[in-house]
Amino acid sequence: QVQLVESGGGLVQAGGSLRLSCAASGRTFSNYAMGWFRQAPGKEREFVGAINWSGSSTKYADSVKGRFTISRDSAKNTVYLQMNSLKPEDTALYYCASDIYPQRGPMLDAAAYDYWGQGTQVTVSS
């Protein structure tokens, strides 16, 4: 059974940094692209960023480009989201997700993912 467990969320002041982790199990993790999404209260879930199966390619939402970085450590079955220069509008529940199909590029559409973590809360105070 595939499980994704996020960690690293918390409360941070604007301009600060956090690093989220997503630990995966139950699948040959290194074969699948991984994505990060977020959902703020009263808003739709939105794409944050994604990394392809090999770690050689990433894509980001315009709102986080230049501030957030996705990486992966296949030996640890973990994907990371480094978030710098955080803004109050980054406050949300952050989810990681695993691509449905193996060996694809970074996928922007949530429908491309079949397994999701439970989320980790990020709150940025002004």
PDB file of N, CA and C in Angstrom:
ATOM      1  N   GLN A   1       0.837  -1.182   0.000  1.00  0.00           N
ATOM      2  CA  GLN A   1       0.000   0.000   0.000  1.00  0.00           C
ATOM      3  C   GLN A   1       0.881   1.244   0.000  1.00  0.00           C
ATOM      4  N   VAL A   2       0.581   2.153  -0.911  1.00  0.00           N
ATOM      5  CA  VAL A   2       1.379   3.370  -1.021  1.00  0.00           C
ATOM      6  C   VAL A   2       0.957   4.360   0.064  1.00  0.00           C
ATOM      7  N   GLN A   3       1.940   4.902   0.744  1.00  0.00           N
ATOM      8  CA  GLN A   3       1.686   5.931   1.751  1.00  0.00           C
ATOM      9  C   GLN A   3       2.612   7.105   1.527  1.00  0.00           C
ATOM     10  N   LEU A   4       2.059   8.286   1.654  1.00  0.00           N
ATOM     11  CA  LEU A   4       2.826   9.523   1.586  1.00  0.00           C
ATOM     12  C   LEU A   4       2.585  10.288   2.876  1.00  0.00           C
ATOM     13  N   VAL A   5       3.655  10.676   3.532  1.00  0.00           N
ATOM     14  CA  VAL A   5       3.532  11.362   4.817  1.00  0.00           C
ATOM     15  C   VAL A   5       4.330  12.660   4.760  1.00  0.00           C
ATOM     16  N   GLU A   6       3.613  13.771   4.852  1.00  0.00           N
ATOM     17  CA  GLU A   6       4.261  15.073   4.854  1.00  0.00           C
ATOM     18  C   GLU A   6       4.644  15.486   6.271  1.00  0.00           C
ATOM     19  N   SER A   7       5.679  16.293   6.355  1.00  0.00           N
ATOM     20  CA  SER A   7       6.092  16.866   7.632  1.00  0.00           C
ATOM     21  C   SER A   7       6.833  18.169   7.363  1.00  0.00           C
ATOM     22  N   GLY A   8       7.066  18.918   8.434  1.00  0.00           N
ATOM     23  CA  GLY A   8       7.855  20.130   8.314  1.00  0.00           C
ATOM     24  C   GLY A   8       7.068  21.426   8.315  1.00  0.00           C
ATOM     25  N   GLY A   9       5.750  21.330   8.322  1.00  0.00           N
ATOM     26  CA  GLY A   9       4.954  22.541   8.367  1.00  0.00           C
ATOM     27  C   GLY A   9       5.059  23.228   9.728  1.00  0.00           C
ATOM     28  N   GLY A  10       4.496  24.422   9.797  1.00  0.00           N
ATOM     29  CA  GLY A  10       4.518  25.153  11.058  1.00  0.00           C
ATOM     30  C   GLY A  10       4.167  26.608  10.871  1.00  0.00           C
ATOM     31  N   LEU A  11       4.420  27.374  11.909  1.00  0.00           N
ATOM     32  CA  LEU A  11       4.149  28.808  11.902  1.00  0.00           C
ATOM     33  C   LEU A  11       5.466  29.551  11.708  1.00  0.00           C
ATOM     34  N   VAL A  12       5.486  30.468  10.758  1.00  0.00           N
ATOM     35  CA  VAL A  12       6.707  31.218  10.460  1.00  0.00           C
ATOM     36  C   VAL A  12       6.326  32.655  10.123  1.00  0.00           C
ATOM     37  N   GLN A  13       7.210  33.580  10.401  1.00  0.00           N
ATOM     38  CA  GLN A  13       6.957  34.974  10.054  1.00  0.00           C
ATOM     39  C   GLN A  13       7.218  35.210   8.573  1.00  0.00           C
ATOM     40  N   ALA A  14       6.565  36.208   8.035  1.00  0.00           N
ATOM     41  CA  ALA A  14       6.794  36.575   6.640  1.00  0.00           C
ATOM     42  C   ALA A  14       8.281  36.825   6.408  1.00  0.00           C
ATOM     43  N   GLY A  15       8.759  36.314   5.294  1.00  0.00           N
ATOM     44  CA  GLY A  15      10.172  36.415   4.964  1.00  0.00           C
ATOM     45  C   GLY A  15      10.987  35.225   5.425  1.00  0.00           C
ATOM     46  N   GLY A  16      10.391  34.378   6.237  1.00  0.00           N
ATOM     47  CA  GLY A  16      11.086  33.210   6.752  1.00  0.00           C
ATOM     48  C   GLY A  16      11.075  32.036   5.789  1.00  0.00           C
ATOM     49  N   SER A  17      11.598  30.911   6.268  1.00  0.00           N
ATOM     50  CA  SER A  17      11.734  29.717   5.440  1.00  0.00           C
ATOM     51  C   SER A  17      11.227  28.492   6.181  1.00  0.00           C
ATOM     52  N   LEU A  18      10.790  27.527   5.398  1.00  0.00           N
ATOM     53  CA  LEU A  18      10.445  26.204   5.902  1.00  0.00           C
ATOM     54  C   LEU A  18      10.842  25.177   4.851  1.00  0.00           C
ATOM     55  N   ARG A  19      11.121  23.972   5.305  1.00  0.00           N
ATOM     56  CA  ARG A  19      11.339  22.873   4.372  1.00  0.00           C
ATOM     57  C   ARG A  19      10.358  21.761   4.696  1.00  0.00           C
ATOM     58  N   LEU A  20       9.525  21.462   3.729  1.00  0.00           N
ATOM     59  CA  LEU A  20       8.580  20.360   3.873  1.00  0.00           C
ATOM     60  C   LEU A  20       9.207  19.081   3.321  1.00  0.00           C
ATOM     61  N   SER A  21       8.863  17.971   3.959  1.00  0.00           N
ATOM     62  CA  SER A  21       9.311  16.662   3.498  1.00  0.00           C
ATOM     63  C   SER A  21       8.096  15.792   3.214  1.00  0.00           C
ATOM     64  N   CYS A  22       8.268  14.894   2.267  1.00  0.00           N
ATOM     65  CA  CYS A  22       7.224  13.931   1.938  1.00  0.00           C
ATOM     66  C   CYS A  22       7.904  12.570   1.826  1.00  0.00           C
ATOM     67  N   ALA A  23       7.644  11.714   2.803  1.00  0.00           N
ATOM     68  CA  ALA A  23       8.227  10.384   2.829  1.00  0.00           C
ATOM     69  C   ALA A  23       7.265   9.396   2.196  1.00  0.00           C
ATOM     70  N   ALA A  24       7.761   8.635   1.226  1.00  0.00           N
ATOM     71  CA  ALA A  24       6.920   7.711   0.471  1.00  0.00           C
ATOM     72  C   ALA A  24       7.285   6.270   0.786  1.00  0.00           C
ATOM     73  N   SER A  25       6.288   5.417   0.757  1.00  0.00           N
ATOM     74  CA  SER A  25       6.516   3.983   0.936  1.00  0.00           C
ATOM     75  C   SER A  25       5.488   3.213   0.135  1.00  0.00           C
ATOM     76  N   GLY A  26       5.809   1.955  -0.168  1.00  0.00           N
ATOM     77  CA  GLY A  26       4.854   1.081  -0.826  1.00  0.00           C
ATOM     78  C   GLY A  26       4.879   1.123  -2.340  1.00  0.00           C
ATOM     79  N   ARG A  27       5.844   1.817  -2.900  1.00  0.00           N
ATOM     80  CA  ARG A  27       5.944   1.902  -4.356  1.00  0.00           C
ATOM     81  C   ARG A  27       7.417   2.131  -4.677  1.00  0.00           C
ATOM     82  N   THR A  28       7.809   1.764  -5.919  1.00  0.00           N
ATOM     83  CA  THR A  28       9.174   2.091  -6.364  1.00  0.00           C
ATOM     84  C   THR A  28       9.187   3.591  -6.618  1.00  0.00           C
ATOM     85  N   PHE A  29       9.389   4.308  -5.564  1.00  0.00           N
ATOM     86  CA  PHE A  29       9.230   5.751  -5.540  1.00  0.00           C
ATOM     87  C   PHE A  29       9.986   6.457  -6.644  1.00  0.00           C
ATOM     88  N   SER A  30      11.198   5.984  -6.914  1.00  0.00           N
ATOM     89  CA  SER A  30      12.065   6.692  -7.860  1.00  0.00           C
ATOM     90  C   SER A  30      11.540   6.653  -9.285  1.00  0.00           C
ATOM     91  N   ASN A  31      10.540   5.843  -9.568  1.00  0.00           N
ATOM     92  CA  ASN A  31       9.997   5.753 -10.922  1.00  0.00           C
ATOM     93  C   ASN A  31       8.913   6.786 -11.220  1.00  0.00           C
ATOM     94  N   TYR A  32       8.485   7.536 -10.209  1.00  0.00           N
ATOM     95  CA  TYR A  32       7.308   8.385 -10.359  1.00  0.00           C
ATOM     96  C   TYR A  32       7.596   9.858 -10.100  1.00  0.00           C
ATOM     97  N   ALA A  33       6.980  10.694 -10.950  1.00  0.00           N
ATOM     98  CA  ALA A  33       7.000  12.120 -10.673  1.00  0.00           C
ATOM     99  C   ALA A  33       6.216  12.395  -9.394  1.00  0.00           C
ATOM    100  N   MET A  34       6.589  13.486  -8.716  1.00  0.00           N
ATOM    101  CA  MET A  34       5.936  13.868  -7.472  1.00  0.00           C
ATOM    102  C   MET A  34       5.524  15.330  -7.557  1.00  0.00           C
ATOM    103  N   GLY A  35       4.424  15.644  -6.930  1.00  0.00           N
ATOM    104  CA  GLY A  35       3.937  17.018  -6.958  1.00  0.00           C
ATOM    105  C   GLY A  35       3.610  17.530  -5.571  1.00  0.00           C
ATOM    106  N   TRP A  36       3.631  18.851  -5.458  1.00  0.00           N
ATOM    107  CA  TRP A  36       3.167  19.533  -4.254  1.00  0.00           C
ATOM    108  C   TRP A  36       1.990  20.434  -4.635  1.00  0.00           C
ATOM    109  N   PHE A  37       0.968  20.377  -3.818  1.00  0.00           N
ATOM    110  CA  PHE A  37      -0.215  21.202  -3.995  1.00  0.00           C
ATOM    111  C   PHE A  37      -0.537  21.842  -2.651  1.00  0.00           C
ATOM    112  N   ARG A  38      -1.378  22.860  -2.685  1.00  0.00           N
ATOM    113  CA  ARG A  38      -1.790  23.487  -1.432  1.00  0.00           C
ATOM    114  C   ARG A  38      -3.236  23.928  -1.529  1.00  0.00           C
ATOM    115  N   GLN A  39      -3.852  24.040  -0.371  1.00  0.00           N
ATOM    116  CA  GLN A  39      -5.232  24.501  -0.312  1.00  0.00           C
ATOM    117  C   GLN A  39      -5.412  25.389   0.897  1.00  0.00           C
ATOM    118  N   ALA A  40      -5.807  26.617   0.635  1.00  0.00           N
ATOM    119  CA  ALA A  40      -6.093  27.573   1.696  1.00  0.00           C
ATOM    120  C   ALA A  40      -7.584  27.505   2.030  1.00  0.00           C
ATOM    121  N   PRO A  41      -7.967  27.902   3.232  1.00  0.00           N
ATOM    122  CA  PRO A  41      -9.385  27.864   3.613  1.00  0.00           C
ATOM    123  C   PRO A  41     -10.251  28.648   2.634  1.00  0.00           C
ATOM    124  N   GLY A  42     -11.312  28.008   2.155  1.00  0.00           N
ATOM    125  CA  GLY A  42     -12.237  28.667   1.251  1.00  0.00           C
ATOM    126  C   GLY A  42     -11.764  28.776  -0.185  1.00  0.00           C
ATOM    127  N   LYS A  43     -10.625  28.163  -0.474  1.00  0.00           N
ATOM    128  CA  LYS A  43     -10.079  28.245  -1.833  1.00  0.00           C
ATOM    129  C   LYS A  43      -9.912  26.853  -2.430  1.00  0.00           C
ATOM    130  N   GLU A  44      -9.786  26.831  -3.745  1.00  0.00           N
ATOM    131  CA  GLU A  44      -9.545  25.579  -4.441  1.00  0.00           C
ATOM    132  C   GLU A  44      -8.098  25.117  -4.206  1.00  0.00           C
ATOM    133  N   ARG A  45      -7.896  23.816  -4.295  1.00  0.00           N
ATOM    134  CA  ARG A  45      -6.532  23.294  -4.256  1.00  0.00           C
ATOM    135  C   ARG A  45      -5.777  23.796  -5.488  1.00  0.00           C
ATOM    136  N   GLU A  46      -4.537  24.171  -5.284  1.00  0.00           N
ATOM    137  CA  GLU A  46      -3.756  24.701  -6.396  1.00  0.00           C
ATOM    138  C   GLU A  46      -2.391  24.032  -6.476  1.00  0.00           C
ATOM    139  N   PHE A  47      -1.894  23.976  -7.684  1.00  0.00           N
ATOM    140  CA  PHE A  47      -0.571  23.418  -7.947  1.00  0.00           C
ATOM    141  C   PHE A  47       0.499  24.346  -7.394  1.00  0.00           C
ATOM    142  N   VAL A  48       1.505  23.756  -6.765  1.00  0.00           N
ATOM    143  CA  VAL A  48       2.652  24.513  -6.264  1.00  0.00           C
ATOM    144  C   VAL A  48       3.885  24.216  -7.108  1.00  0.00           C
ATOM    145  N   GLY A  49       4.204  22.949  -7.239  1.00  0.00           N
ATOM    146  CA  GLY A  49       5.367  22.558  -8.011  1.00  0.00           C
ATOM    147  C   GLY A  49       5.418  21.054  -8.170  1.00  0.00           C
ATOM    148  N   ALA A  50       6.270  20.588  -9.076  1.00  0.00           N
ATOM    149  CA  ALA A  50       6.408  19.160  -9.320  1.00  0.00           C
ATOM    150  C   ALA A  50       7.809  18.858  -9.812  1.00  0.00           C
ATOM    151  N   ILE A  51       8.198  17.611  -9.636  1.00  0.00           N
ATOM    152  CA  ILE A  51       9.511  17.156 -10.061  1.00  0.00           C
ATOM    153  C   ILE A  51       9.340  15.846 -10.811  1.00  0.00           C
ATOM    154  N   ASN A  52      10.115  15.675 -11.882  1.00  0.00           N
ATOM    155  CA  ASN A  52       9.950  14.459 -12.662  1.00  0.00           C
ATOM    156  C   ASN A  52      10.542  13.259 -11.939  1.00  0.00           C
ATOM    157  N   TRP A  53      10.385  12.094 -12.542  1.00  0.00           N
ATOM    158  CA  TRP A  53      10.745  10.853 -11.858  1.00  0.00           C
ATOM    159  C   TRP A  53      12.239  10.773 -11.536  1.00  0.00           C
ATOM    160  N   SER A  54      13.074  11.365 -12.376  1.00  0.00           N
ATOM    161  CA  SER A  54      14.516  11.259 -12.171  1.00  0.00           C
ATOM    162  C   SER A  54      15.091  12.428 -11.375  1.00  0.00           C
ATOM    163  N   GLY A  55      14.275  13.460 -11.181  1.00  0.00           N
ATOM    164  CA  GLY A  55      14.780  14.627 -10.463  1.00  0.00           C
ATOM    165  C   GLY A  55      15.466  15.643 -11.349  1.00  0.00           C
ATOM    166  N   SER A  56      15.441  15.430 -12.650  1.00  0.00           N
ATOM    167  CA  SER A  56      16.166  16.309 -13.564  1.00  0.00           C
ATOM    168  C   SER A  56      15.335  17.493 -14.053  1.00  0.00           C
ATOM    169  N   SER A  57      14.053  17.485 -13.762  1.00  0.00           N
ATOM    170  CA  SER A  57      13.171  18.531 -14.279  1.00  0.00           C
ATOM    171  C   SER A  57      12.133  18.916 -13.230  1.00  0.00           C
ATOM    172  N   THR A  58      11.915  20.210 -13.114  1.00  0.00           N
ATOM    173  CA  THR A  58      10.910  20.714 -12.172  1.00  0.00           C
ATOM    174  C   THR A  58      10.049  21.773 -12.850  1.00  0.00           C
ATOM    175  N   LYS A  59       8.861  21.959 -12.308  1.00  0.00           N
ATOM    176  CA  LYS A  59       7.969  23.034 -12.750  1.00  0.00           C
ATOM    177  C   LYS A  59       7.340  23.661 -11.508  1.00  0.00           C
ATOM    178  N   TYR A  60       7.066  24.959 -11.593  1.00  0.00           N
ATOM    179  CA  TYR A  60       6.527  25.681 -10.451  1.00  0.00           C
ATOM    180  C   TYR A  60       5.378  26.589 -10.883  1.00  0.00           C
ATOM    181  N   ALA A  61       4.496  26.822  -9.945  1.00  0.00           N
ATOM    182  CA  ALA A  61       3.478  27.844 -10.160  1.00  0.00           C
ATOM    183  C   ALA A  61       4.162  29.207 -10.190  1.00  0.00           C
ATOM    184  N   ASP A  62       3.612  30.121 -10.946  1.00  0.00           N
ATOM    185  CA  ASP A  62       4.204  31.453 -11.049  1.00  0.00           C
ATOM    186  C   ASP A  62       4.290  32.127  -9.680  1.00  0.00           C
ATOM    187  N   SER A  63       3.344  31.835  -8.824  1.00  0.00           N
ATOM    188  CA  SER A  63       3.280  32.500  -7.523  1.00  0.00           C
ATOM    189  C   SER A  63       4.427  32.108  -6.596  1.00  0.00           C
ATOM    190  N   VAL A  64       5.096  30.993  -6.881  1.00  0.00           N
ATOM    191  CA  VAL A  64       6.171  30.535  -6.003  1.00  0.00           C
ATOM    192  C   VAL A  64       7.515  30.473  -6.713  1.00  0.00           C
ATOM    193  N   LYS A  65       7.522  30.709  -8.006  1.00  0.00           N
ATOM    194  CA  LYS A  65       8.749  30.603  -8.788  1.00  0.00           C
ATOM    195  C   LYS A  65       9.809  31.557  -8.242  1.00  0.00           C
ATOM    196  N   GLY A  66      10.998  31.026  -8.049  1.00  0.00           N
ATOM    197  CA  GLY A  66      12.087  31.831  -7.506  1.00  0.00           C
ATOM    198  C   GLY A  66      12.163  31.821  -5.995  1.00  0.00           C
ATOM    199  N   ARG A  67      11.116  31.336  -5.342  1.00  0.00           N
ATOM    200  CA  ARG A  67      11.096  31.260  -3.880  1.00  0.00           C
ATOM    201  C   ARG A  67      11.088  29.828  -3.369  1.00  0.00           C
ATOM    202  N   PHE A  68      10.435  28.930  -4.092  1.00  0.00           N
ATOM    203  CA  PHE A  68      10.313  27.529  -3.678  1.00  0.00           C
ATOM    204  C   PHE A  68      11.182  26.649  -4.568  1.00  0.00           C
ATOM    205  N   THR A  69      11.700  25.586  -3.982  1.00  0.00           N
ATOM    206  CA  THR A  69      12.511  24.628  -4.726  1.00  0.00           C
ATOM    207  C   THR A  69      12.122  23.212  -4.331  1.00  0.00           C
ATOM    208  N   ILE A  70      11.882  22.381  -5.333  1.00  0.00           N
ATOM    209  CA  ILE A  70      11.576  20.965  -5.099  1.00  0.00           C
ATOM    210  C   ILE A  70      12.812  20.135  -5.402  1.00  0.00           C
ATOM    211  N   SER A  71      13.040  19.154  -4.564  1.00  0.00           N
ATOM    212  CA  SER A  71      14.125  18.202  -4.797  1.00  0.00           C
ATOM    213  C   SER A  71      13.669  16.841  -4.311  1.00  0.00           C
ATOM    214  N   ARG A  72      14.441  15.828  -4.669  1.00  0.00           N
ATOM    215  CA  ARG A  72      14.088  14.487  -4.218  1.00  0.00           C
ATOM    216  C   ARG A  72      15.345  13.703  -3.912  1.00  0.00           C
ATOM    217  N   ASP A  73      15.218  12.801  -2.957  1.00  0.00           N
ATOM    218  CA  ASP A  73      16.293  11.892  -2.584  1.00  0.00           C
ATOM    219  C   ASP A  73      15.711  10.486  -2.705  1.00  0.00           C
ATOM    220  N   SER A  74      16.000   9.842  -3.825  1.00  0.00           N
ATOM    221  CA  SER A  74      15.398   8.537  -4.077  1.00  0.00           C
ATOM    222  C   SER A  74      15.895   7.487  -3.087  1.00  0.00           C
ATOM    223  N   ALA A  75      17.117   7.636  -2.604  1.00  0.00           N
ATOM    224  CA  ALA A  75      17.647   6.678  -1.628  1.00  0.00           C
ATOM    225  C   ALA A  75      16.839   6.723  -0.332  1.00  0.00           C
ATOM    226  N   LYS A  76      16.289   7.887  -0.026  1.00  0.00           N
ATOM    227  CA  LYS A  76      15.491   8.054   1.187  1.00  0.00           C
ATOM    228  C   LYS A  76      13.998   8.026   0.896  1.00  0.00           C
ATOM    229  N   ASN A  77      13.636   7.845  -0.376  1.00  0.00           N
ATOM    230  CA  ASN A  77      12.222   7.844  -0.770  1.00  0.00           C
ATOM    231  C   ASN A  77      11.511   9.095  -0.278  1.00  0.00           C
ATOM    232  N   THR A  78      12.165  10.215  -0.431  1.00  0.00           N
ATOM    233  CA  THR A  78      11.649  11.464   0.111  1.00  0.00           C
ATOM    234  C   THR A  78      11.744  12.571  -0.924  1.00  0.00           C
ATOM    235  N   VAL A  79      10.715  13.403  -0.973  1.00  0.00           N
ATOM    236  CA  VAL A  79      10.737  14.597  -1.795  1.00  0.00           C
ATOM    237  C   VAL A  79      10.597  15.800  -0.868  1.00  0.00           C
ATOM    238  N   TYR A  80      11.264  16.882  -1.227  1.00  0.00           N
ATOM    239  CA  TYR A  80      11.319  18.063  -0.370  1.00  0.00           C
ATOM    240  C   TYR A  80      10.736  19.278  -1.092  1.00  0.00           C
ATOM    241  N   LEU A  81      10.219  20.194  -0.296  1.00  0.00           N
ATOM    242  CA  LEU A  81       9.800  21.491  -0.813  1.00  0.00           C
ATOM    243  C   LEU A  81      10.438  22.549   0.080  1.00  0.00           C
ATOM    244  N   GLN A  82      11.487  23.175  -0.427  1.00  0.00           N
ATOM    245  CA  GLN A  82      12.146  24.258   0.289  1.00  0.00           C
ATOM    246  C   GLN A  82      11.429  25.554  -0.036  1.00  0.00           C
ATOM    247  N   MET A  83      10.944  26.220   1.000  1.00  0.00           N
ATOM    248  CA  MET A  83      10.158  27.434   0.811  1.00  0.00           C
ATOM    249  C   MET A  83      10.881  28.596   1.478  1.00  0.00           C
ATOM    250  N   ASN A  84      11.288  29.551   0.677  1.00  0.00           N
ATOM    251  CA  ASN A  84      11.975  30.745   1.167  1.00  0.00           C
ATOM    252  C   ASN A  84      11.128  31.985   0.908  1.00  0.00           C
ATOM    253  N   SER A  85      11.473  33.048   1.577  1.00  0.00           N
ATOM    254  CA  SER A  85      10.770  34.337   1.403  1.00  0.00           C
ATOM    255  C   SER A  85       9.264  34.154   1.498  1.00  0.00           C
ATOM    256  N   LEU A  86       8.848  33.457   2.515  1.00  0.00           N
ATOM    257  CA  LEU A  86       7.424  33.131   2.653  1.00  0.00           C
ATOM    258  C   LEU A  86       6.581  34.383   2.850  1.00  0.00           C
ATOM    259  N   LYS A  87       5.374  34.317   2.311  1.00  0.00           N
ATOM    260  CA  LYS A  87       4.420  35.413   2.378  1.00  0.00           C
ATOM    261  C   LYS A  87       3.146  34.934   3.072  1.00  0.00           C
ATOM    262  N   PRO A  88       2.387  35.840   3.659  1.00  0.00           N
ATOM    263  CA  PRO A  88       1.119  35.408   4.282  1.00  0.00           C
ATOM    264  C   PRO A  88       0.212  34.649   3.317  1.00  0.00           C
ATOM    265  N   GLU A  89       0.261  34.992   2.046  1.00  0.00           N
ATOM    266  CA  GLU A  89      -0.595  34.294   1.069  1.00  0.00           C
ATOM    267  C   GLU A  89      -0.143  32.873   0.768  1.00  0.00           C
ATOM    268  N   ASP A  90       1.005  32.468   1.317  1.00  0.00           N
ATOM    269  CA  ASP A  90       1.449  31.072   1.202  1.00  0.00           C
ATOM    270  C   ASP A  90       0.798  30.192   2.262  1.00  0.00           C
ATOM    271  N   THR A  91       0.058  30.796   3.181  1.00  0.00           N
ATOM    272  CA  THR A  91      -0.603  30.023   4.229  1.00  0.00           C
ATOM    273  C   THR A  91      -1.607  29.060   3.617  1.00  0.00           C
ATOM    274  N   ALA A  92      -1.454  27.772   3.934  1.00  0.00           N
ATOM    275  CA  ALA A  92      -2.306  26.740   3.356  1.00  0.00           C
ATOM    276  C   ALA A  92      -1.935  25.390   3.947  1.00  0.00           C
ATOM    277  N   LEU A  93      -2.749  24.407   3.626  1.00  0.00           N
ATOM    278  CA  LEU A  93      -2.421  23.013   3.891  1.00  0.00           C
ATOM    279  C   LEU A  93      -1.702  22.483   2.658  1.00  0.00           C
ATOM    280  N   TYR A  94      -0.504  21.987   2.854  1.00  0.00           N
ATOM    281  CA  TYR A  94       0.329  21.534   1.743  1.00  0.00           C
ATOM    282  C   TYR A  94       0.300  20.016   1.643  1.00  0.00           C
ATOM    283  N   TYR A  95       0.080  19.544   0.414  1.00  0.00           N
ATOM    284  CA  TYR A  95      -0.001  18.117   0.149  1.00  0.00           C
ATOM    285  C   TYR A  95       1.063  17.695  -0.858  1.00  0.00           C
ATOM    286  N   CYS A  96       1.603  16.495  -0.679  1.00  0.00           N
ATOM    287  CA  CYS A  96       2.401  15.912  -1.739  1.00  0.00           C
ATOM    288  C   CYS A  96       1.576  14.802  -2.387  1.00  0.00           C
ATOM    289  N   ALA A  97       1.939  14.489  -3.624  1.00  0.00           N
ATOM    290  CA  ALA A  97       1.198  13.496  -4.381  1.00  0.00           C
ATOM    291  C   ALA A  97       2.138  12.760  -5.328  1.00  0.00           C
ATOM    292  N   SER A  98       1.760  11.521  -5.657  1.00  0.00           N
ATOM    293  CA  SER A  98       2.567  10.678  -6.532  1.00  0.00           C
ATOM    294  C   SER A  98       1.832  10.453  -7.853  1.00  0.00           C
ATOM    295  N   ASP A  99       2.557  10.580  -8.949  1.00  0.00           N
ATOM    296  CA  ASP A  99       2.003  10.431 -10.295  1.00  0.00           C
ATOM    297  C   ASP A  99       1.375   9.052 -10.485  1.00  0.00           C
ATOM    298  N   ILE A 100       0.349   9.010 -11.313  1.00  0.00           N
ATOM    299  CA  ILE A 100      -0.317   7.740 -11.610  1.00  0.00           C
ATOM    300  C   ILE A 100       0.597   6.814 -12.404  1.00  0.00           C
ATOM    301  N   TYR A 101       1.291   7.393 -13.388  1.00  0.00           N
ATOM    302  CA  TYR A 101       2.080   6.585 -14.301  1.00  0.00           C
ATOM    303  C   TYR A 101       3.573   6.824 -14.055  1.00  0.00           C
ATOM    304  N   PRO A 102       4.396   5.811 -14.296  1.00  0.00           N
ATOM    305  CA  PRO A 102       5.833   5.973 -14.057  1.00  0.00           C
ATOM    306  C   PRO A 102       6.551   6.755 -15.151  1.00  0.00           C
ATOM    307  N   GLN A 103       7.682   7.297 -14.783  1.00  0.00           N
ATOM    308  CA  GLN A 103       8.657   7.885 -15.705  1.00  0.00           C
ATOM    309  C   GLN A 103       8.084   8.984 -16.590  1.00  0.00           C
ATOM    310  N   ARG A 104       7.323   9.877 -15.972  1.00  0.00           N
ATOM    311  CA  ARG A 104       6.814  11.037 -16.686  1.00  0.00           C
ATOM    312  C   ARG A 104       7.500  12.298 -16.180  1.00  0.00           C
ATOM    313  N   GLY A 105       7.278  13.361 -16.913  1.00  0.00           N
ATOM    314  CA  GLY A 105       7.779  14.655 -16.499  1.00  0.00           C
ATOM    315  C   GLY A 105       6.962  15.204 -15.342  1.00  0.00           C
ATOM    316  N   PRO A 106       7.353  16.384 -14.830  1.00  0.00           N
ATOM    317  CA  PRO A 106       6.580  17.009 -13.751  1.00  0.00           C
ATOM    318  C   PRO A 106       5.171  17.373 -14.225  1.00  0.00           C
ATOM    319  N   MET A 107       4.164  16.906 -13.505  1.00  0.00           N
ATOM    320  CA  MET A 107       2.764  17.062 -13.923  1.00  0.00           C
ATOM    321  C   MET A 107       2.098  18.167 -13.125  1.00  0.00           C
ATOM    322  N   LEU A 108       1.387  19.069 -13.819  1.00  0.00           N
ATOM    323  CA  LEU A 108       0.778  20.217 -13.167  1.00  0.00           C
ATOM    324  C   LEU A 108      -0.663  19.950 -12.719  1.00  0.00           C
ATOM    325  N   ASP A 109      -1.308  18.987 -13.345  1.00  0.00           N
ATOM    326  CA  ASP A 109      -2.721  18.747 -13.089  1.00  0.00           C
ATOM    327  C   ASP A 109      -2.888  17.748 -11.953  1.00  0.00           C
ATOM    328  N   ALA A 110      -3.723  18.094 -10.983  1.00  0.00           N
ATOM    329  CA  ALA A 110      -3.956  17.201  -9.848  1.00  0.00           C
ATOM    330  C   ALA A 110      -4.520  15.858 -10.285  1.00  0.00           C
ATOM    331  N   ALA A 111      -5.198  15.827 -11.421  1.00  0.00           N
ATOM    332  CA  ALA A 111      -5.776  14.575 -11.915  1.00  0.00           C
ATOM    333  C   ALA A 111      -4.709  13.581 -12.358  1.00  0.00           C
ATOM    334  N   ALA A 112      -3.474  14.037 -12.494  1.00  0.00           N
ATOM    335  CA  ALA A 112      -2.372  13.157 -12.882  1.00  0.00           C
ATOM    336  C   ALA A 112      -1.834  12.342 -11.719  1.00  0.00           C
ATOM    337  N   TYR A 113      -2.310  12.624 -10.524  1.00  0.00           N
ATOM    338  CA  TYR A 113      -1.786  11.990  -9.325  1.00  0.00           C
ATOM    339  C   TYR A 113      -2.832  11.078  -8.687  1.00  0.00           C
ATOM    340  N   ASP A 114      -2.357   9.932  -8.197  1.00  0.00           N
ATOM    341  CA  ASP A 114      -3.321   9.009  -7.606  1.00  0.00           C
ATOM    342  C   ASP A 114      -3.158   8.807  -6.109  1.00  0.00           C
ATOM    343  N   TYR A 115      -2.005   9.072  -5.582  1.00  0.00           N
ATOM    344  CA  TYR A 115      -1.811   8.931  -4.138  1.00  0.00           C
ATOM    345  C   TYR A 115      -1.450  10.284  -3.539  1.00  0.00           C
ATOM    346  N   TRP A 116      -2.077  10.575  -2.402  1.00  0.00           N
ATOM    347  CA  TRP A 116      -1.905  11.862  -1.742  1.00  0.00           C
ATOM    348  C   TRP A 116      -1.593  11.660  -0.265  1.00  0.00           C
ATOM    349  N   GLY A 117      -0.805  12.571   0.265  1.00  0.00           N
ATOM    350  CA  GLY A 117      -0.578  12.567   1.701  1.00  0.00           C
ATOM    351  C   GLY A 117      -1.712  13.253   2.429  1.00  0.00           C
ATOM    352  N   GLN A 118      -1.574  13.317   3.744  1.00  0.00           N
ATOM    353  CA  GLN A 118      -2.639  13.894   4.566  1.00  0.00           C
ATOM    354  C   GLN A 118      -2.503  15.408   4.708  1.00  0.00           C
ATOM    355  N   GLY A 119      -1.369  15.937   4.318  1.00  0.00           N
ATOM    356  CA  GLY A 119      -1.142  17.372   4.347  1.00  0.00           C
ATOM    357  C   GLY A 119      -0.416  17.834   5.597  1.00  0.00           C
ATOM    358  N   THR A 120       0.285  18.944   5.451  1.00  0.00           N
ATOM    359  CA  THR A 120       0.954  19.584   6.584  1.00  0.00           C
ATOM    360  C   THR A 120       0.656  21.079   6.503  1.00  0.00           C
ATOM    361  N   GLN A 121       0.313  21.660   7.639  1.00  0.00           N
ATOM    362  CA  GLN A 121      -0.139  23.053   7.657  1.00  0.00           C
ATOM    363  C   GLN A 121       1.044  24.014   7.687  1.00  0.00           C
ATOM    364  N   VAL A 122       0.984  24.992   6.821  1.00  0.00           N
ATOM    365  CA  VAL A 122       1.955  26.086   6.813  1.00  0.00           C
ATOM    366  C   VAL A 122       1.200  27.383   7.072  1.00  0.00           C
ATOM    367  N   THR A 123       1.622  28.107   8.086  1.00  0.00           N
ATOM    368  CA  THR A 123       0.996  29.383   8.420  1.00  0.00           C
ATOM    369  C   THR A 123       2.072  30.455   8.461  1.00  0.00           C
ATOM    370  N   VAL A 124       1.863  31.496   7.671  1.00  0.00           N
ATOM    371  CA  VAL A 124       2.836  32.581   7.590  1.00  0.00           C
ATOM    372  C   VAL A 124       2.184  33.835   8.166  1.00  0.00           C
ATOM    373  N   SER A 125       2.779  34.358   9.216  1.00  0.00           N
ATOM    374  CA  SER A 125       2.229  35.554   9.858  1.00  0.00           C
ATOM    375  C   SER A 125       2.873  36.809   9.284  1.00  0.00           C
ATOM    376  N   SER A 126       2.094  37.877   9.253  1.00  0.00           N
ATOM    377  CA  SER A 126       2.601  39.136   8.688  1.00  0.00           C
ATOM    378  C   SER A 126       3.274  39.987   9.751  1.00  0.00           C
TER     379      SER A 126
END
